């Protein structure tokens, strides 16, 4: 599901900004990965802090 969303967003961004589609999709997917990775680390730390008490 996330891959389809990244592909759709990447294609739209590449169309409107007149950029190559493949590299734009890869950049959008990388940005999504970083957001999920950073948010996951913060959520994990919060869960550990709650369970420690």
PDB file of N, CA and C in Angstrom:
ATOM      1  N   UNK A   1       0.828  -1.190   0.000  1.00  0.00           N
ATOM      2  CA  UNK A   1       0.000   0.000   0.000  1.00  0.00           C
ATOM      3  C   UNK A   1       0.873   1.254   0.000  1.00  0.00           C
ATOM      4  N   UNK A   2       1.895   1.252   0.846  1.00  0.00           N
ATOM      5  CA  UNK A   2       2.767   2.421   0.918  1.00  0.00           C
ATOM      6  C   UNK A   2       3.516   2.628  -0.402  1.00  0.00           C
ATOM      7  N   UNK A   3       3.900   1.533  -1.039  1.00  0.00           N
ATOM      8  CA  UNK A   3       4.591   1.645  -2.322  1.00  0.00           C
ATOM      9  C   UNK A   3       3.715   2.255  -3.403  1.00  0.00           C
ATOM     10  N   UNK A   4       2.440   1.882  -3.417  1.00  0.00           N
ATOM     11  CA  UNK A   4       1.512   2.446  -4.397  1.00  0.00           C
ATOM     12  C   UNK A   4       1.305   3.935  -4.157  1.00  0.00           C
ATOM     13  N   UNK A   5       1.211   4.312  -2.882  1.00  0.00           N
ATOM     14  CA  UNK A   5       1.035   5.732  -2.550  1.00  0.00           C
ATOM     15  C   UNK A   5       2.280   6.522  -2.948  1.00  0.00           C
ATOM     16  N   UNK A   6       3.458   5.988  -2.658  1.00  0.00           N
ATOM     17  CA  UNK A   6       4.694   6.666  -3.041  1.00  0.00           C
ATOM     18  C   UNK A   6       4.809   6.795  -4.558  1.00  0.00           C
ATOM     19  N   UNK A   7       4.415   5.755  -5.268  1.00  0.00           N
ATOM     20  CA  UNK A   7       4.437   5.815  -6.733  1.00  0.00           C
ATOM     21  C   UNK A   7       3.478   6.853  -7.276  1.00  0.00           C
ATOM     22  N   UNK A   8       2.280   6.901  -6.714  1.00  0.00           N
ATOM     23  CA  UNK A   8       1.277   7.875  -7.160  1.00  0.00           C
ATOM     24  C   UNK A   8       1.735   9.303  -6.882  1.00  0.00           C
ATOM     25  N   UNK A   9       2.206   9.535  -5.663  1.00  0.00           N
ATOM     26  CA  UNK A   9       2.675  10.877  -5.301  1.00  0.00           C
ATOM     27  C   UNK A   9       3.890  11.251  -6.144  1.00  0.00           C
ATOM     28  N   UNK A  10       4.811  10.321  -6.312  1.00  0.00           N
ATOM     29  CA  UNK A  10       5.995  10.591  -7.120  1.00  0.00           C
ATOM     30  C   UNK A  10       5.669  10.909  -8.565  1.00  0.00           C
ATOM     31  N   UNK A  11       4.711  10.198  -9.140  1.00  0.00           N
ATOM     32  CA  UNK A  11       4.317  10.482 -10.522  1.00  0.00           C
ATOM     33  C   UNK A  11       3.674  11.862 -10.641  1.00  0.00           C
ATOM     34  N   UNK A  12       2.837  12.213  -9.683  1.00  0.00           N
ATOM     35  CA  UNK A  12       2.203  13.534  -9.728  1.00  0.00           C
ATOM     36  C   UNK A  12       3.214  14.656  -9.545  1.00  0.00           C
ATOM     37  N   UNK A  13       4.132  14.478  -8.609  1.00  0.00           N
ATOM     38  CA  UNK A  13       5.162  15.496  -8.398  1.00  0.00           C
ATOM     39  C   UNK A  13       6.036  15.619  -9.641  1.00  0.00           C
ATOM     40  N   UNK A  14       6.423  14.500 -10.218  1.00  0.00           N
ATOM     41  CA  UNK A  14       7.274  14.558 -11.408  1.00  0.00           C
ATOM     42  C   UNK A  14       6.553  15.198 -12.589  1.00  0.00           C
ATOM     43  N   UNK A  15       5.259  14.985 -12.693  1.00  0.00           N
ATOM     44  CA  UNK A  15       4.485  15.592 -13.789  1.00  0.00           C
ATOM     45  C   UNK A  15       4.398  17.105 -13.618  1.00  0.00           C
ATOM     46  N   UNK A  16       4.054  17.538 -12.407  1.00  0.00           N
ATOM     47  CA  UNK A  16       3.834  18.969 -12.178  1.00  0.00           C
ATOM     48  C   UNK A  16       5.135  19.771 -12.134  1.00  0.00           C
ATOM     49  N   UNK A  17       6.225  19.150 -11.733  1.00  0.00           N
ATOM     50  CA  UNK A  17       7.504  19.854 -11.676  1.00  0.00           C
ATOM     51  C   UNK A  17       8.402  19.544 -12.862  1.00  0.00           C
ATOM     52  N   UNK A  18       7.903  18.732 -13.799  1.00  0.00           N
ATOM     53  CA  UNK A  18       8.637  18.358 -15.010  1.00  0.00           C
ATOM     54  C   UNK A  18      10.000  17.740 -14.651  1.00  0.00           C
ATOM     55  N   UNK A  19       9.940  16.706 -13.806  1.00  0.00           N
ATOM     56  CA  UNK A  19      11.129  15.983 -13.363  1.00  0.00           C
ATOM     57  C   UNK A  19      11.058  14.539 -13.856  1.00  0.00           C
ATOM     58  N   UNK A  20      12.193  13.841 -13.890  1.00  0.00           N
ATOM     59  CA  UNK A  20      12.163  12.424 -14.253  1.00  0.00           C
ATOM     60  C   UNK A  20      11.353  11.623 -13.235  1.00  0.00           C
ATOM     61  N   UNK A  21      10.485  10.752 -13.718  1.00  0.00           N
ATOM     62  CA  UNK A  21       9.551  10.053 -12.827  1.00  0.00           C
ATOM     63  C   UNK A  21      10.241   9.043 -11.914  1.00  0.00           C
ATOM     64  N   UNK A  22      11.180   8.277 -12.427  1.00  0.00           N
ATOM     65  CA  UNK A  22      11.820   7.236 -11.625  1.00  0.00           C
ATOM     66  C   UNK A  22      12.541   7.788 -10.411  1.00  0.00           C
ATOM     67  N   UNK A  23      13.343   8.806 -10.630  1.00  0.00           N
ATOM     68  CA  UNK A  23      14.096   9.372  -9.503  1.00  0.00           C
ATOM     69  C   UNK A  23      13.176  10.091  -8.523  1.00  0.00           C
ATOM     70  N   UNK A  24      12.109  10.688  -9.008  1.00  0.00           N
ATOM     71  CA  UNK A  24      11.163  11.363  -8.114  1.00  0.00           C
ATOM     72  C   UNK A  24      10.439  10.357  -7.235  1.00  0.00           C
ATOM     73  N   UNK A  25      10.059   9.221  -7.795  1.00  0.00           N
ATOM     74  CA  UNK A  25       9.402   8.171  -7.007  1.00  0.00           C
ATOM     75  C   UNK A  25      10.363   7.655  -5.936  1.00  0.00           C
ATOM     76  N   UNK A  26      11.623   7.463  -6.292  1.00  0.00           N
ATOM     77  CA  UNK A  26      12.615   6.987  -5.327  1.00  0.00           C
ATOM     78  C   UNK A  26      12.810   8.004  -4.211  1.00  0.00           C
ATOM     79  N   UNK A  27      12.854   9.285  -4.535  1.00  0.00           N
ATOM     80  CA  UNK A  27      13.016  10.315  -3.511  1.00  0.00           C
ATOM     81  C   UNK A  27      11.800  10.384  -2.591  1.00  0.00           C
ATOM     82  N   UNK A  28      10.594  10.237  -3.140  1.00  0.00           N
ATOM     83  CA  UNK A  28       9.384  10.243  -2.322  1.00  0.00           C
ATOM     84  C   UNK A  28       9.378   9.022  -1.400  1.00  0.00           C
ATOM     85  N   UNK A  29       9.742   7.863  -1.918  1.00  0.00           N
ATOM     86  CA  UNK A  29       9.784   6.652  -1.096  1.00  0.00           C
ATOM     87  C   UNK A  29      10.839   6.768   0.003  1.00  0.00           C
ATOM     88  N   UNK A  30      11.977   7.378  -0.304  1.00  0.00           N
ATOM     89  CA  UNK A  30      13.014   7.592   0.702  1.00  0.00           C
ATOM     90  C   UNK A  30      12.524   8.526   1.797  1.00  0.00           C
ATOM     91  N   UNK A  31      11.825   9.585   1.408  1.00  0.00           N
ATOM     92  CA  UNK A  31      11.276  10.515   2.401  1.00  0.00           C
ATOM     93  C   UNK A  31      10.259   9.810   3.291  1.00  0.00           C
ATOM     94  N   UNK A  32       9.403   8.969   2.706  1.00  0.00           N
ATOM     95  CA  UNK A  32       8.427   8.208   3.497  1.00  0.00           C
ATOM     96  C   UNK A  32       9.137   7.267   4.459  1.00  0.00           C
ATOM     97  N   UNK A  33      10.188   6.607   3.996  1.00  0.00           N
ATOM     98  CA  UNK A  33      10.946   5.705   4.854  1.00  0.00           C
ATOM     99  C   UNK A  33      11.550   6.449   6.034  1.00  0.00           C
ATOM    100  N   UNK A  34      12.137   7.609   5.777  1.00  0.00           N
ATOM    101  CA  UNK A  34      12.758   8.373   6.856  1.00  0.00           C
ATOM    102  C   UNK A  34      11.732   8.832   7.882  1.00  0.00           C
ATOM    103  N   UNK A  35      10.565   9.266   7.419  1.00  0.00           N
ATOM    104  CA  UNK A  35       9.513   9.691   8.344  1.00  0.00           C
ATOM    105  C   UNK A  35       9.072   8.534   9.222  1.00  0.00           C
ATOM    106  N   UNK A  36       8.830   7.381   8.608  1.00  0.00           N
ATOM    107  CA  UNK A  36       8.392   6.218   9.372  1.00  0.00           C
ATOM    108  C   UNK A  36       9.505   5.745  10.316  1.00  0.00           C
ATOM    109  N   UNK A  37      10.736   5.749   9.864  1.00  0.00           N
ATOM    110  CA  UNK A  37      11.863   5.307  10.675  1.00  0.00           C
ATOM    111  C   UNK A  37      12.039   6.197  11.903  1.00  0.00           C
ATOM    112  N   UNK A  38      11.999   7.513  11.698  1.00  0.00           N
ATOM    113  CA  UNK A  38      12.178   8.438  12.815  1.00  0.00           C
ATOM    114  C   UNK A  38      10.989   8.406  13.764  1.00  0.00           C
ATOM    115  N   UNK A  39       9.782   8.321  13.234  1.00  0.00           N
ATOM    116  CA  UNK A  39       8.598   8.254  14.091  1.00  0.00           C
ATOM    117  C   UNK A  39       8.568   6.950  14.866  1.00  0.00           C
ATOM    118  N   UNK A  40       8.989   5.867  14.255  1.00  0.00           N
ATOM    119  CA  UNK A  40       9.011   4.573  14.929  1.00  0.00           C
ATOM    120  C   UNK A  40       9.975   4.559  16.098  1.00  0.00           C
ATOM    121  N   UNK A  41      11.109   5.192  15.955  1.00  0.00           N
ATOM    122  CA  UNK A  41      12.078   5.267  17.042  1.00  0.00           C
ATOM    123  C   UNK A  41      11.541   6.064  18.218  1.00  0.00           C
ATOM    124  N   UNK A  42      10.852   7.143  17.934  1.00  0.00           N
ATOM    125  CA  UNK A  42      10.284   7.959  19.011  1.00  0.00           C
ATOM    126  C   UNK A  42       9.162   7.227  19.724  1.00  0.00           C
ATOM    127  N   UNK A  43       8.332   6.533  18.968  1.00  0.00           N
ATOM    128  CA  UNK A  43       7.239   5.785  19.592  1.00  0.00           C
ATOM    129  C   UNK A  43       7.783   4.642  20.439  1.00  0.00           C
ATOM    130  N   UNK A  44       8.843   4.001  19.969  1.00  0.00           N
ATOM    131  CA  UNK A  44       9.438   2.898  20.700  1.00  0.00           C
ATOM    132  C   UNK A  44      10.026   3.382  22.028  1.00  0.00           C
ATOM    133  N   UNK A  45      10.680   4.549  22.003  1.00  0.00           N
ATOM    134  CA  UNK A  45      11.255   5.100  23.230  1.00  0.00           C
ATOM    135  C   UNK A  45      10.166   5.463  24.234  1.00  0.00           C
ATOM    136  N   UNK A  46       9.045   5.985  23.758  1.00  0.00           N
ATOM    137  CA  UNK A  46       7.931   6.327  24.644  1.00  0.00           C
ATOM    138  C   UNK A  46       7.342   5.076  25.278  1.00  0.00           C
ATOM    139  N   UNK A  47       7.197   4.026  24.472  1.00  0.00           N
ATOM    140  CA  UNK A  47       6.643   2.771  24.990  1.00  0.00           C
ATOM    141  C   UNK A  47       7.571   2.168  26.032  1.00  0.00           C
ATOM    142  N   UNK A  48       8.874   2.249  25.815  1.00  0.00           N
ATOM    143  CA  UNK A  48       9.835   1.725  26.790  1.00  0.00           C
ATOM    144  C   UNK A  48       9.772   2.522  28.081  1.00  0.00           C
ATOM    145  N   UNK A  49       9.596   3.835  27.990  1.00  0.00           N
ATOM    146  CA  UNK A  49       9.525   4.672  29.177  1.00  0.00           C
ATOM    147  C   UNK A  49       8.262   4.382  29.980  1.00  0.00           C
ATOM    148  N   UNK A  50       7.156   4.112  29.313  1.00  0.00           N
ATOM    149  CA  UNK A  50       5.896   3.803  29.997  1.00  0.00           C
ATOM    150  C   UNK A  50       6.004   2.460  30.681  1.00  0.00           C
ATOM    151  N   UNK A  51       6.604   1.478  30.045  1.00  0.00           N
ATOM    152  CA  UNK A  51       6.707   0.130  30.620  1.00  0.00           C
ATOM    153  C   UNK A  51       7.765   0.049  31.715  1.00  0.00           C
ATOM    154  N   UNK A  52       8.674   0.982  31.781  1.00  0.00           N
ATOM    155  CA  UNK A  52       9.739   0.970  32.790  1.00  0.00           C
ATOM    156  C   UNK A  52       9.187   1.353  34.167  1.00  0.00           C
ATOM    157  N   UNK A  53       8.086   2.052  34.208  1.00  0.00           N
ATOM    158  CA  UNK A  53       7.551   2.527  35.491  1.00  0.00           C
ATOM    159  C   UNK A  53       6.610   1.535  36.069  1.00  0.00           C
TER     160      UNK A  53
END
